[in-house]
Amino acid sequence: MEPMPHETSDETARVREFFSVRAARWDARFPDDGPAYEAAVGELGLREGDSVLDAGCGTGRALPPLRAAVGRRGTVLAADVTPEMIAEAVRAGRLASGRLLLADVRRLPLRTASLDAVFAAGLVSHLGGPEAGLRELARVVRPGGALALFHPVGRAALAERQGRVLSPDDVRAGPNLRTLLAGSGWRLTSLDDGEDRYLALAARAE
């Protein structure tokens, strides 16, 4: 675990407050998501020896399939801003699958164009002003590299579960997301927003 190199912003504090009290029971609340994570990672197009980041990794549920995808020669990094989530990832034994960083995805301690891909589960909706986060992810990924924005439940199903109305202003809605990605260094290549999952795939602009 590594310290964050920058001061804590109000947005970072808000995210930490939300997730810190939920970290201990996070995996228990969603015990059946493993296959959905594996399937989404499988569509990222990773190859043996690639370098990949799990951005906003939470308890690290994506780390085992990411490690399996890049093999022993590959590099798996995982970054989250909430110490309690990182601690749960360690407790779950996921440190064996990748290197954990306590870091804000808007200010990553990584070299430019050092990664082949980024996997991000449930991240975009928790980024206040998501352009900055997506631009930072674009910075650390090589031209032509891949991005997967994932959630194990589709937008409509999630809204129903939370007792709210699905808004056309949702940043993850197709037209909104396409525009957001295009302005942040990415090109949307596919979008699956069904009942069982949300998966947007994008390519780093050349």
N, C-alpha and C. Protein backbone atom coordinates (compact mmCIF):
# COMPACT_ATOMS: atom_id res chain seq x y z
N MET A 1 0.85 -1.18 0.00
CA MET A 1 0.00 0.00 0.00
C MET A 1 0.88 1.23 0.00
N GLU A 2 0.56 2.22 -0.86
CA GLU A 2 1.38 3.41 -0.95
C GLU A 2 0.56 4.65 -0.62
N PRO A 3 1.19 5.69 -0.07
CA PRO A 3 0.45 6.90 0.29
C PRO A 3 0.08 7.69 -0.95
N MET A 4 -1.00 8.48 -0.81
CA MET A 4 -1.37 9.38 -1.88
C MET A 4 -0.41 10.55 -1.91
N PRO A 5 0.04 10.97 -3.10
CA PRO A 5 1.04 12.02 -3.18
C PRO A 5 0.46 13.42 -3.14
N HIS A 6 -0.85 13.57 -3.08
CA HIS A 6 -1.46 14.88 -3.14
C HIS A 6 -2.39 15.09 -1.95
N GLU A 7 -2.75 16.35 -1.72
CA GLU A 7 -3.67 16.66 -0.65
C GLU A 7 -5.04 16.08 -0.94
N THR A 8 -5.82 15.86 0.13
CA THR A 8 -7.16 15.33 -0.01
C THR A 8 -8.13 16.44 -0.37
N SER A 9 -8.85 16.31 -1.48
CA SER A 9 -9.83 17.30 -1.91
C SER A 9 -11.16 17.01 -1.25
N ASP A 10 -12.09 17.97 -1.37
CA ASP A 10 -13.44 17.77 -0.83
C ASP A 10 -14.10 16.57 -1.50
N GLU A 11 -13.90 16.41 -2.81
CA GLU A 11 -14.49 15.30 -3.54
C GLU A 11 -13.92 13.98 -3.05
N THR A 12 -12.62 13.93 -2.85
CA THR A 12 -11.99 12.72 -2.32
C THR A 12 -12.54 12.38 -0.95
N ALA A 13 -12.70 13.38 -0.11
CA ALA A 13 -13.23 13.16 1.23
C ALA A 13 -14.66 12.62 1.18
N ARG A 14 -15.46 13.12 0.24
CA ARG A 14 -16.84 12.65 0.11
C ARG A 14 -16.88 11.18 -0.28
N VAL A 15 -16.04 10.81 -1.26
CA VAL A 15 -16.00 9.42 -1.71
C VAL A 15 -15.51 8.51 -0.59
N ARG A 16 -14.48 8.94 0.10
CA ARG A 16 -13.96 8.14 1.21
C ARG A 16 -15.01 7.94 2.29
N GLU A 17 -15.75 8.98 2.59
CA GLU A 17 -16.79 8.88 3.62
C GLU A 17 -17.86 7.88 3.21
N PHE A 18 -18.26 7.92 1.94
CA PHE A 18 -19.29 7.01 1.45
C PHE A 18 -18.85 5.56 1.54
N PHE A 19 -17.63 5.28 1.08
CA PHE A 19 -17.20 3.89 0.97
C PHE A 19 -16.57 3.33 2.24
N SER A 20 -16.02 4.17 3.08
CA SER A 20 -15.31 3.66 4.26
C SER A 20 -16.24 2.88 5.18
N VAL A 21 -17.48 3.34 5.34
CA VAL A 21 -18.41 2.66 6.25
C VAL A 21 -19.04 1.43 5.61
N ARG A 22 -18.84 1.25 4.30
CA ARG A 22 -19.42 0.12 3.59
C ARG A 22 -18.39 -0.97 3.25
N ALA A 23 -17.12 -0.66 3.45
CA ALA A 23 -16.05 -1.54 2.97
C ALA A 23 -16.12 -2.94 3.57
N ALA A 24 -16.33 -3.04 4.87
CA ALA A 24 -16.25 -4.33 5.55
C ALA A 24 -17.29 -5.32 5.04
N ARG A 25 -18.44 -4.83 4.59
CA ARG A 25 -19.50 -5.72 4.13
C ARG A 25 -19.69 -5.70 2.62
N TRP A 26 -18.78 -5.05 1.92
CA TRP A 26 -18.97 -4.85 0.47
C TRP A 26 -19.06 -6.18 -0.28
N ASP A 27 -18.12 -7.06 -0.07
CA ASP A 27 -18.13 -8.34 -0.79
C ASP A 27 -19.32 -9.20 -0.39
N ALA A 28 -19.71 -9.14 0.88
CA ALA A 28 -20.84 -9.93 1.35
C ALA A 28 -22.15 -9.45 0.73
N ARG A 29 -22.24 -8.17 0.42
CA ARG A 29 -23.45 -7.62 -0.19
C ARG A 29 -23.61 -8.07 -1.64
N PHE A 30 -22.50 -8.36 -2.30
CA PHE A 30 -22.54 -8.70 -3.72
C PHE A 30 -21.77 -10.00 -3.97
N PRO A 31 -22.23 -11.12 -3.40
CA PRO A 31 -21.44 -12.35 -3.45
C PRO A 31 -21.46 -13.06 -4.81
N ASP A 32 -22.38 -12.68 -5.68
CA ASP A 32 -22.54 -13.42 -6.94
C ASP A 32 -22.03 -12.67 -8.16
N ASP A 33 -21.25 -11.61 -7.96
CA ASP A 33 -20.80 -10.78 -9.08
C ASP A 33 -19.56 -11.32 -9.79
N GLY A 34 -18.91 -12.32 -9.22
CA GLY A 34 -17.65 -12.81 -9.78
C GLY A 34 -17.71 -13.15 -11.25
N PRO A 35 -18.67 -13.96 -11.71
CA PRO A 35 -18.73 -14.30 -13.14
C PRO A 35 -18.91 -13.08 -14.04
N ALA A 36 -19.66 -12.08 -13.59
CA ALA A 36 -19.85 -10.88 -14.39
C ALA A 36 -18.54 -10.11 -14.54
N TYR A 37 -17.76 -10.06 -13.47
CA TYR A 37 -16.45 -9.42 -13.54
C TYR A 37 -15.54 -10.17 -14.52
N GLU A 38 -15.54 -11.47 -14.41
CA GLU A 38 -14.70 -12.29 -15.30
C GLU A 38 -15.07 -12.08 -16.76
N ALA A 39 -16.37 -12.05 -17.05
CA ALA A 39 -16.81 -11.87 -18.43
C ALA A 39 -16.42 -10.50 -18.95
N ALA A 40 -16.56 -9.46 -18.13
CA ALA A 40 -16.20 -8.11 -18.56
C ALA A 40 -14.71 -8.00 -18.82
N VAL A 41 -13.90 -8.55 -17.92
CA VAL A 41 -12.45 -8.53 -18.13
C VAL A 41 -12.09 -9.26 -19.42
N GLY A 42 -12.82 -10.34 -19.71
CA GLY A 42 -12.56 -11.09 -20.93
C GLY A 42 -12.78 -10.29 -22.20
N GLU A 43 -13.61 -9.25 -22.14
CA GLU A 43 -13.88 -8.44 -23.31
C GLU A 43 -12.95 -7.24 -23.45
N LEU A 44 -12.05 -7.09 -22.48
CA LEU A 44 -11.11 -5.97 -22.53
C LEU A 44 -9.99 -6.20 -23.54
N GLY A 45 -9.80 -7.44 -23.97
CA GLY A 45 -8.80 -7.75 -24.98
C GLY A 45 -7.38 -7.81 -24.47
N LEU A 46 -7.21 -8.14 -23.21
CA LEU A 46 -5.87 -8.23 -22.64
C LEU A 46 -5.12 -9.43 -23.18
N ARG A 47 -3.80 -9.27 -23.25
CA ARG A 47 -2.93 -10.34 -23.73
C ARG A 47 -1.85 -10.65 -22.69
N GLU A 48 -1.26 -11.81 -22.83
CA GLU A 48 -0.16 -12.21 -21.95
C GLU A 48 0.92 -11.12 -21.95
N GLY A 49 1.32 -10.68 -20.75
CA GLY A 49 2.38 -9.69 -20.61
C GLY A 49 1.91 -8.25 -20.59
N ASP A 50 0.60 -7.99 -20.76
CA ASP A 50 0.09 -6.62 -20.74
C ASP A 50 0.17 -6.01 -19.35
N SER A 51 0.05 -4.67 -19.33
CA SER A 51 -0.03 -3.93 -18.07
C SER A 51 -1.41 -3.31 -17.96
N VAL A 52 -2.09 -3.54 -16.83
CA VAL A 52 -3.47 -3.08 -16.68
C VAL A 52 -3.68 -2.49 -15.30
N LEU A 53 -4.56 -1.49 -15.23
CA LEU A 53 -4.92 -0.85 -13.97
C LEU A 53 -6.39 -1.09 -13.69
N ASP A 54 -6.70 -1.50 -12.46
CA ASP A 54 -8.07 -1.53 -11.97
C ASP A 54 -8.28 -0.21 -11.23
N ALA A 55 -8.99 0.73 -11.88
CA ALA A 55 -9.16 2.08 -11.35
C ALA A 55 -10.40 2.16 -10.47
N GLY A 56 -10.23 2.60 -9.24
CA GLY A 56 -11.33 2.55 -8.29
C GLY A 56 -11.63 1.11 -7.93
N CYS A 57 -10.60 0.39 -7.51
CA CYS A 57 -10.66 -1.07 -7.42
C CYS A 57 -11.55 -1.59 -6.30
N GLY A 58 -11.88 -0.73 -5.31
CA GLY A 58 -12.68 -1.22 -4.19
C GLY A 58 -11.97 -2.34 -3.47
N THR A 59 -12.67 -3.45 -3.27
CA THR A 59 -12.09 -4.60 -2.57
C THR A 59 -11.30 -5.52 -3.50
N GLY A 60 -11.13 -5.09 -4.75
CA GLY A 60 -10.25 -5.83 -5.67
C GLY A 60 -10.87 -7.04 -6.32
N ARG A 61 -12.18 -7.04 -6.52
CA ARG A 61 -12.82 -8.22 -7.09
C ARG A 61 -12.38 -8.50 -8.53
N ALA A 62 -11.91 -7.47 -9.24
CA ALA A 62 -11.46 -7.69 -10.62
C ALA A 62 -10.03 -8.20 -10.71
N LEU A 63 -9.30 -8.16 -9.61
CA LEU A 63 -7.87 -8.48 -9.68
C LEU A 63 -7.58 -9.92 -10.12
N PRO A 64 -8.24 -10.94 -9.58
CA PRO A 64 -7.95 -12.30 -10.03
C PRO A 64 -8.17 -12.51 -11.53
N PRO A 65 -9.31 -12.08 -12.11
CA PRO A 65 -9.44 -12.26 -13.56
C PRO A 65 -8.47 -11.40 -14.37
N LEU A 66 -8.12 -10.23 -13.87
CA LEU A 66 -7.12 -9.42 -14.57
C LEU A 66 -5.76 -10.13 -14.57
N ARG A 67 -5.38 -10.70 -13.44
CA ARG A 67 -4.11 -11.44 -13.37
C ARG A 67 -4.14 -12.64 -14.31
N ALA A 68 -5.25 -13.35 -14.35
CA ALA A 68 -5.37 -14.50 -15.23
C ALA A 68 -5.23 -14.08 -16.69
N ALA A 69 -5.74 -12.88 -17.02
CA ALA A 69 -5.71 -12.41 -18.41
C ALA A 69 -4.31 -12.01 -18.86
N VAL A 70 -3.52 -11.39 -17.98
CA VAL A 70 -2.19 -10.92 -18.39
C VAL A 70 -1.09 -11.91 -18.05
N GLY A 71 -1.39 -12.92 -17.25
CA GLY A 71 -0.41 -13.94 -16.92
C GLY A 71 0.66 -13.48 -15.95
N ARG A 72 1.58 -14.35 -15.66
CA ARG A 72 2.64 -14.05 -14.69
C ARG A 72 3.56 -12.94 -15.17
N ARG A 73 3.74 -12.81 -16.48
CA ARG A 73 4.64 -11.77 -17.01
C ARG A 73 3.98 -10.40 -17.06
N GLY A 74 2.67 -10.34 -16.90
CA GLY A 74 1.96 -9.07 -16.96
C GLY A 74 2.03 -8.30 -15.66
N THR A 75 1.53 -7.06 -15.72
CA THR A 75 1.50 -6.18 -14.55
C THR A 75 0.06 -5.81 -14.25
N VAL A 76 -0.36 -6.04 -13.01
CA VAL A 76 -1.70 -5.67 -12.57
C VAL A 76 -1.56 -4.67 -11.42
N LEU A 77 -2.09 -3.47 -11.63
CA LEU A 77 -2.12 -2.44 -10.61
C LEU A 77 -3.57 -2.18 -10.23
N ALA A 78 -3.78 -1.75 -9.00
CA ALA A 78 -5.13 -1.43 -8.54
C ALA A 78 -5.06 -0.20 -7.66
N ALA A 79 -5.90 0.79 -7.97
CA ALA A 79 -5.88 2.05 -7.23
C ALA A 79 -7.26 2.34 -6.66
N ASP A 80 -7.28 2.77 -5.41
CA ASP A 80 -8.53 3.22 -4.79
C ASP A 80 -8.19 4.31 -3.79
N VAL A 81 -9.15 5.21 -3.58
CA VAL A 81 -8.91 6.36 -2.73
C VAL A 81 -9.30 6.10 -1.28
N THR A 82 -9.97 4.97 -1.01
CA THR A 82 -10.48 4.69 0.33
C THR A 82 -9.62 3.64 1.02
N PRO A 83 -8.93 4.01 2.10
CA PRO A 83 -8.05 3.05 2.78
C PRO A 83 -8.76 1.78 3.23
N GLU A 84 -10.01 1.91 3.67
CA GLU A 84 -10.74 0.74 4.15
C GLU A 84 -11.01 -0.26 3.03
N MET A 85 -11.22 0.23 1.82
CA MET A 85 -11.41 -0.67 0.69
C MET A 85 -10.11 -1.41 0.37
N ILE A 86 -9.01 -0.70 0.38
CA ILE A 86 -7.71 -1.33 0.14
C ILE A 86 -7.45 -2.39 1.21
N ALA A 87 -7.77 -2.07 2.46
CA ALA A 87 -7.57 -3.03 3.55
C ALA A 87 -8.39 -4.29 3.34
N GLU A 88 -9.62 -4.14 2.85
CA GLU A 88 -10.46 -5.31 2.59
C GLU A 88 -9.91 -6.14 1.43
N ALA A 89 -9.33 -5.48 0.44
CA ALA A 89 -8.71 -6.21 -0.66
C ALA A 89 -7.54 -7.05 -0.16
N VAL A 90 -6.75 -6.50 0.75
CA VAL A 90 -5.64 -7.24 1.34
C VAL A 90 -6.18 -8.40 2.16
N ARG A 91 -7.21 -8.14 2.95
CA ARG A 91 -7.80 -9.17 3.80
C ARG A 91 -8.36 -10.32 2.98
N ALA A 92 -8.87 -10.01 1.79
CA ALA A 92 -9.45 -11.04 0.91
C ALA A 92 -8.38 -11.81 0.14
N GLY A 93 -7.11 -11.46 0.33
CA GLY A 93 -6.03 -12.17 -0.34
C GLY A 93 -5.76 -11.73 -1.75
N ARG A 94 -6.31 -10.57 -2.15
CA ARG A 94 -6.16 -10.15 -3.55
C ARG A 94 -4.84 -9.45 -3.83
N LEU A 95 -4.07 -9.22 -2.78
CA LEU A 95 -2.73 -8.68 -2.98
C LEU A 95 -1.88 -9.62 -3.80
N ALA A 96 -2.21 -10.90 -3.80
CA ALA A 96 -1.46 -11.88 -4.58
C ALA A 96 -1.66 -11.69 -6.07
N SER A 97 -2.72 -10.99 -6.46
CA SER A 97 -3.02 -10.83 -7.88
C SER A 97 -2.55 -9.51 -8.46
N GLY A 98 -2.18 -8.55 -7.62
CA GLY A 98 -1.76 -7.26 -8.15
C GLY A 98 -1.20 -6.35 -7.08
N ARG A 99 -0.67 -5.24 -7.51
CA ARG A 99 -0.10 -4.23 -6.61
C ARG A 99 -1.16 -3.19 -6.28
N LEU A 100 -1.38 -2.95 -5.00
CA LEU A 100 -2.42 -2.04 -4.54
C LEU A 100 -1.85 -0.66 -4.25
N LEU A 101 -2.54 0.37 -4.76
CA LEU A 101 -2.12 1.75 -4.56
C LEU A 101 -3.25 2.53 -3.90
N LEU A 102 -2.96 3.22 -2.83
CA LEU A 102 -3.91 4.16 -2.24
C LEU A 102 -3.74 5.47 -3.00
N ALA A 103 -4.60 5.72 -3.97
CA ALA A 103 -4.41 6.86 -4.86
C ALA A 103 -5.72 7.30 -5.47
N ASP A 104 -5.80 8.60 -5.77
CA ASP A 104 -6.93 9.18 -6.47
C ASP A 104 -6.73 8.95 -7.96
N VAL A 105 -7.72 8.40 -8.64
CA VAL A 105 -7.56 8.10 -10.06
C VAL A 105 -7.45 9.37 -10.90
N ARG A 106 -7.72 10.53 -10.30
CA ARG A 106 -7.55 11.78 -11.02
C ARG A 106 -6.12 12.29 -10.96
N ARG A 107 -5.30 11.66 -10.12
CA ARG A 107 -3.88 12.05 -9.97
C ARG A 107 -3.08 10.80 -9.69
N LEU A 108 -2.86 10.01 -10.72
CA LEU A 108 -2.22 8.71 -10.54
C LEU A 108 -0.69 8.83 -10.51
N PRO A 109 -0.03 8.09 -9.63
CA PRO A 109 1.44 8.10 -9.57
C PRO A 109 2.04 7.13 -10.59
N LEU A 110 1.64 7.30 -11.86
CA LEU A 110 2.07 6.41 -12.93
C LEU A 110 2.60 7.22 -14.10
N ARG A 111 3.51 6.61 -14.85
CA ARG A 111 4.10 7.28 -16.01
C ARG A 111 3.10 7.39 -17.15
N THR A 112 3.26 8.40 -17.96
CA THR A 112 2.42 8.59 -19.14
C THR A 112 2.60 7.42 -20.10
N ALA A 113 1.47 6.94 -20.65
CA ALA A 113 1.45 5.86 -21.64
C ALA A 113 2.14 4.58 -21.15
N SER A 114 2.03 4.31 -19.85
CA SER A 114 2.71 3.14 -19.28
C SER A 114 1.82 1.90 -19.20
N LEU A 115 0.54 2.04 -19.53
CA LEU A 115 -0.39 0.93 -19.42
C LEU A 115 -0.99 0.55 -20.77
N ASP A 116 -1.43 -0.69 -20.86
CA ASP A 116 -2.14 -1.16 -22.05
C ASP A 116 -3.65 -1.01 -21.91
N ALA A 117 -4.15 -1.00 -20.69
CA ALA A 117 -5.60 -0.97 -20.50
C ALA A 117 -5.95 -0.54 -19.08
N VAL A 118 -7.20 -0.10 -18.94
CA VAL A 118 -7.78 0.24 -17.64
C VAL A 118 -9.14 -0.44 -17.52
N PHE A 119 -9.38 -1.04 -16.37
CA PHE A 119 -10.69 -1.59 -16.02
C PHE A 119 -11.23 -0.75 -14.88
N ALA A 120 -12.49 -0.30 -14.99
CA ALA A 120 -13.06 0.56 -13.96
C ALA A 120 -14.50 0.14 -13.69
N ALA A 121 -14.75 -0.42 -12.52
CA ALA A 121 -16.09 -0.86 -12.13
C ALA A 121 -16.75 0.18 -11.24
N GLY A 122 -17.89 0.70 -11.68
CA GLY A 122 -18.64 1.65 -10.88
C GLY A 122 -17.94 2.95 -10.61
N LEU A 123 -16.98 3.31 -11.44
CA LEU A 123 -16.14 4.48 -11.14
C LEU A 123 -16.76 5.80 -11.57
N VAL A 124 -17.25 5.86 -12.80
CA VAL A 124 -17.60 7.15 -13.40
C VAL A 124 -18.65 7.90 -12.59
N SER A 125 -19.64 7.19 -12.08
CA SER A 125 -20.70 7.87 -11.34
C SER A 125 -20.23 8.43 -10.01
N HIS A 126 -19.05 8.04 -9.55
CA HIS A 126 -18.51 8.56 -8.29
C HIS A 126 -17.42 9.62 -8.52
N LEU A 127 -17.20 9.99 -9.77
CA LEU A 127 -16.23 11.03 -10.07
C LEU A 127 -16.97 12.37 -10.21
N GLY A 128 -16.71 13.29 -9.32
CA GLY A 128 -17.27 14.62 -9.48
C GLY A 128 -16.50 15.33 -10.58
N GLY A 129 -17.19 15.66 -11.69
CA GLY A 129 -16.46 16.17 -12.85
C GLY A 129 -15.65 15.06 -13.46
N PRO A 130 -16.31 14.08 -14.09
CA PRO A 130 -15.60 12.88 -14.56
C PRO A 130 -14.59 13.12 -15.67
N GLU A 131 -14.63 14.29 -16.30
CA GLU A 131 -13.67 14.56 -17.37
C GLU A 131 -12.24 14.45 -16.87
N ALA A 132 -11.98 15.00 -15.68
CA ALA A 132 -10.61 14.99 -15.15
C ALA A 132 -10.13 13.56 -14.92
N GLY A 133 -11.00 12.71 -14.37
CA GLY A 133 -10.61 11.33 -14.13
C GLY A 133 -10.36 10.58 -15.42
N LEU A 134 -11.22 10.76 -16.40
CA LEU A 134 -11.05 10.06 -17.67
C LEU A 134 -9.83 10.56 -18.43
N ARG A 135 -9.55 11.85 -18.33
CA ARG A 135 -8.33 12.39 -18.97
C ARG A 135 -7.08 11.80 -18.32
N GLU A 136 -7.12 11.64 -17.00
CA GLU A 136 -5.96 11.06 -16.32
C GLU A 136 -5.79 9.60 -16.71
N LEU A 137 -6.88 8.87 -16.84
CA LEU A 137 -6.77 7.49 -17.30
C LEU A 137 -6.23 7.44 -18.72
N ALA A 138 -6.64 8.38 -19.56
CA ALA A 138 -6.11 8.44 -20.92
C ALA A 138 -4.62 8.75 -20.92
N ARG A 139 -4.18 9.57 -19.98
CA ARG A 139 -2.76 9.92 -19.91
C ARG A 139 -1.89 8.70 -19.67
N VAL A 140 -2.34 7.80 -18.80
CA VAL A 140 -1.48 6.69 -18.41
C VAL A 140 -1.60 5.48 -19.34
N VAL A 141 -2.50 5.54 -20.32
CA VAL A 141 -2.69 4.44 -21.27
C VAL A 141 -2.06 4.80 -22.62
N ARG A 142 -1.40 3.84 -23.22
CA ARG A 142 -0.77 4.08 -24.52
C ARG A 142 -1.83 4.32 -25.59
N PRO A 143 -1.49 5.04 -26.67
CA PRO A 143 -2.42 5.20 -27.79
C PRO A 143 -2.87 3.84 -28.31
N GLY A 144 -4.17 3.69 -28.52
CA GLY A 144 -4.71 2.41 -28.96
C GLY A 144 -5.07 1.48 -27.84
N GLY A 145 -4.70 1.83 -26.59
CA GLY A 145 -5.03 1.00 -25.45
C GLY A 145 -6.52 1.03 -25.15
N ALA A 146 -6.95 0.23 -24.18
CA ALA A 146 -8.38 0.00 -23.96
C ALA A 146 -8.83 0.48 -22.59
N LEU A 147 -10.13 0.80 -22.53
CA LEU A 147 -10.79 1.17 -21.29
C LEU A 147 -12.11 0.41 -21.21
N ALA A 148 -12.40 -0.16 -20.04
CA ALA A 148 -13.68 -0.79 -19.78
C ALA A 148 -14.33 -0.12 -18.58
N LEU A 149 -15.53 0.44 -18.80
CA LEU A 149 -16.33 1.00 -17.71
C LEU A 149 -17.45 0.01 -17.44
N PHE A 150 -17.44 -0.57 -16.25
CA PHE A 150 -18.29 -1.72 -15.96
C PHE A 150 -19.14 -1.51 -14.72
N HIS A 151 -20.31 -2.12 -14.73
CA HIS A 151 -21.12 -2.30 -13.52
C HIS A 151 -21.88 -3.60 -13.68
N PRO A 152 -21.96 -4.42 -12.63
CA PRO A 152 -22.62 -5.72 -12.77
C PRO A 152 -24.13 -5.66 -12.88
N VAL A 153 -24.70 -4.45 -12.89
CA VAL A 153 -26.13 -4.25 -13.10
C VAL A 153 -26.31 -3.11 -14.10
N GLY A 154 -27.27 -3.25 -15.03
CA GLY A 154 -27.54 -2.19 -15.98
C GLY A 154 -28.12 -0.95 -15.32
N ARG A 155 -28.11 0.15 -16.04
CA ARG A 155 -28.54 1.43 -15.46
C ARG A 155 -30.00 1.38 -15.01
N ALA A 156 -30.89 0.86 -15.85
CA ALA A 156 -32.31 0.83 -15.50
C ALA A 156 -32.58 -0.04 -14.29
N ALA A 157 -31.96 -1.22 -14.26
CA ALA A 157 -32.14 -2.13 -13.13
C ALA A 157 -31.58 -1.52 -11.85
N LEU A 158 -30.46 -0.83 -11.95
CA LEU A 158 -29.86 -0.21 -10.77
C LEU A 158 -30.75 0.91 -10.25
N ALA A 159 -31.29 1.72 -11.16
CA ALA A 159 -32.18 2.80 -10.74
C ALA A 159 -33.41 2.24 -10.03
N GLU A 160 -33.97 1.16 -10.56
CA GLU A 160 -35.14 0.55 -9.93
C GLU A 160 -34.79 0.00 -8.55
N ARG A 161 -33.63 -0.61 -8.45
CA ARG A 161 -33.19 -1.15 -7.16
C ARG A 161 -33.04 -0.05 -6.12
N GLN A 162 -32.59 1.12 -6.55
CA GLN A 162 -32.36 2.24 -5.64
C GLN A 162 -33.58 3.12 -5.45
N GLY A 163 -34.69 2.78 -6.13
CA GLY A 163 -35.92 3.54 -5.98
C GLY A 163 -35.87 4.93 -6.58
N ARG A 164 -35.18 5.08 -7.69
CA ARG A 164 -35.10 6.38 -8.35
C ARG A 164 -35.45 6.25 -9.83
N VAL A 165 -35.70 7.39 -10.45
CA VAL A 165 -36.03 7.43 -11.87
C VAL A 165 -34.75 7.57 -12.68
N LEU A 166 -34.65 6.80 -13.75
CA LEU A 166 -33.48 6.88 -14.61
C LEU A 166 -33.48 8.21 -15.35
N SER A 167 -32.44 8.99 -15.19
CA SER A 167 -32.37 10.33 -15.75
C SER A 167 -31.66 10.34 -17.10
N PRO A 168 -32.20 11.12 -18.07
CA PRO A 168 -31.49 11.25 -19.35
C PRO A 168 -30.17 11.99 -19.21
N ASP A 169 -29.98 12.65 -18.07
CA ASP A 169 -28.72 13.37 -17.82
C ASP A 169 -27.64 12.46 -17.24
N ASP A 170 -27.97 11.19 -17.00
CA ASP A 170 -27.00 10.23 -16.47
C ASP A 170 -25.75 10.24 -17.34
N VAL A 171 -24.60 10.42 -16.71
CA VAL A 171 -23.35 10.50 -17.46
C VAL A 171 -23.05 9.22 -18.22
N ARG A 172 -23.64 8.10 -17.79
CA ARG A 172 -23.37 6.82 -18.44
C ARG A 172 -24.33 6.51 -19.59
N ALA A 173 -25.33 7.35 -19.81
CA ALA A 173 -26.20 7.18 -20.96
C ALA A 173 -25.38 7.31 -22.24
N GLY A 174 -25.73 6.50 -23.25
CA GLY A 174 -24.90 6.41 -24.45
C GLY A 174 -24.44 7.73 -25.05
N PRO A 175 -25.36 8.63 -25.43
CA PRO A 175 -24.92 9.89 -26.05
C PRO A 175 -24.04 10.73 -25.12
N ASN A 176 -24.41 10.78 -23.83
CA ASN A 176 -23.61 11.55 -22.88
C ASN A 176 -22.21 10.96 -22.73
N LEU A 177 -22.15 9.65 -22.61
CA LEU A 177 -20.86 9.00 -22.42
C LEU A 177 -19.98 9.15 -23.65
N ARG A 178 -20.56 9.01 -24.84
CA ARG A 178 -19.78 9.15 -26.07
C ARG A 178 -19.11 10.53 -26.14
N THR A 179 -19.89 11.56 -25.80
CA THR A 179 -19.35 12.93 -25.82
C THR A 179 -18.29 13.11 -24.76
N LEU A 180 -18.56 12.59 -23.56
CA LEU A 180 -17.61 12.70 -22.46
C LEU A 180 -16.29 12.03 -22.79
N LEU A 181 -16.36 10.83 -23.32
CA LEU A 181 -15.13 10.10 -23.67
C LEU A 181 -14.36 10.81 -24.78
N ALA A 182 -15.08 11.29 -25.79
CA ALA A 182 -14.41 11.96 -26.91
C ALA A 182 -13.65 13.20 -26.45
N GLY A 183 -14.17 13.86 -25.44
CA GLY A 183 -13.49 15.05 -24.91
C GLY A 183 -12.40 14.74 -23.91
N SER A 184 -12.23 13.45 -23.62
CA SER A 184 -11.26 13.05 -22.59
C SER A 184 -10.16 12.14 -23.12
N GLY A 185 -10.07 12.03 -24.45
CA GLY A 185 -9.00 11.24 -25.04
C GLY A 185 -9.37 9.82 -25.40
N TRP A 186 -10.69 9.50 -25.42
CA TRP A 186 -11.14 8.14 -25.69
C TRP A 186 -12.14 8.12 -26.83
N ARG A 187 -12.31 6.95 -27.43
CA ARG A 187 -13.32 6.73 -28.47
C ARG A 187 -14.16 5.53 -28.07
N LEU A 188 -15.45 5.77 -27.85
CA LEU A 188 -16.35 4.69 -27.46
C LEU A 188 -16.47 3.69 -28.60
N THR A 189 -16.25 2.41 -28.32
CA THR A 189 -16.32 1.38 -29.35
C THR A 189 -17.52 0.47 -29.21
N SER A 190 -18.04 0.29 -27.98
CA SER A 190 -19.24 -0.52 -27.79
C SER A 190 -19.86 -0.19 -26.45
N LEU A 191 -21.19 -0.42 -26.36
CA LEU A 191 -21.91 -0.16 -25.12
C LEU A 191 -22.99 -1.21 -24.94
N ASP A 192 -22.94 -1.91 -23.82
CA ASP A 192 -23.94 -2.90 -23.45
C ASP A 192 -24.58 -2.43 -22.15
N ASP A 193 -25.80 -1.92 -22.24
CA ASP A 193 -26.50 -1.41 -21.07
C ASP A 193 -27.79 -2.20 -20.91
N GLY A 194 -27.65 -3.46 -20.55
CA GLY A 194 -28.79 -4.36 -20.43
C GLY A 194 -29.24 -4.54 -19.00
N GLU A 195 -30.05 -5.55 -18.78
CA GLU A 195 -30.57 -5.83 -17.45
C GLU A 195 -29.47 -6.32 -16.51
N ASP A 196 -28.57 -7.14 -17.05
CA ASP A 196 -27.61 -7.84 -16.20
C ASP A 196 -26.27 -7.13 -16.03
N ARG A 197 -25.98 -6.17 -16.87
CA ARG A 197 -24.69 -5.48 -16.71
C ARG A 197 -24.66 -4.20 -17.52
N TYR A 198 -23.67 -3.37 -17.18
CA TYR A 198 -23.32 -2.19 -17.97
C TYR A 198 -21.85 -2.35 -18.33
N LEU A 199 -21.54 -2.31 -19.62
CA LEU A 199 -20.16 -2.42 -20.06
C LEU A 199 -19.93 -1.51 -21.25
N ALA A 200 -19.17 -0.46 -21.04
CA ALA A 200 -18.75 0.43 -22.12
C ALA A 200 -17.27 0.20 -22.39
N LEU A 201 -16.94 -0.08 -23.64
CA LEU A 201 -15.56 -0.26 -24.05
C LEU A 201 -15.12 0.92 -24.91
N ALA A 202 -13.91 1.37 -24.67
CA ALA A 202 -13.38 2.52 -25.41
C ALA A 202 -11.92 2.28 -25.74
N ALA A 203 -11.45 2.98 -26.77
CA ALA A 203 -10.05 2.91 -27.18
C ALA A 203 -9.39 4.25 -26.96
N ARG A 204 -8.14 4.23 -26.53
CA ARG A 204 -7.38 5.47 -26.35
C ARG A 204 -7.12 6.08 -27.71
N ALA A 205 -7.46 7.35 -27.86
CA ALA A 205 -7.28 8.04 -29.12
C ALA A 205 -5.81 8.06 -29.51
N GLU A 206 -5.53 7.93 -30.80
CA GLU A 206 -4.15 7.96 -31.28
C GLU A 206 -3.58 9.37 -31.15
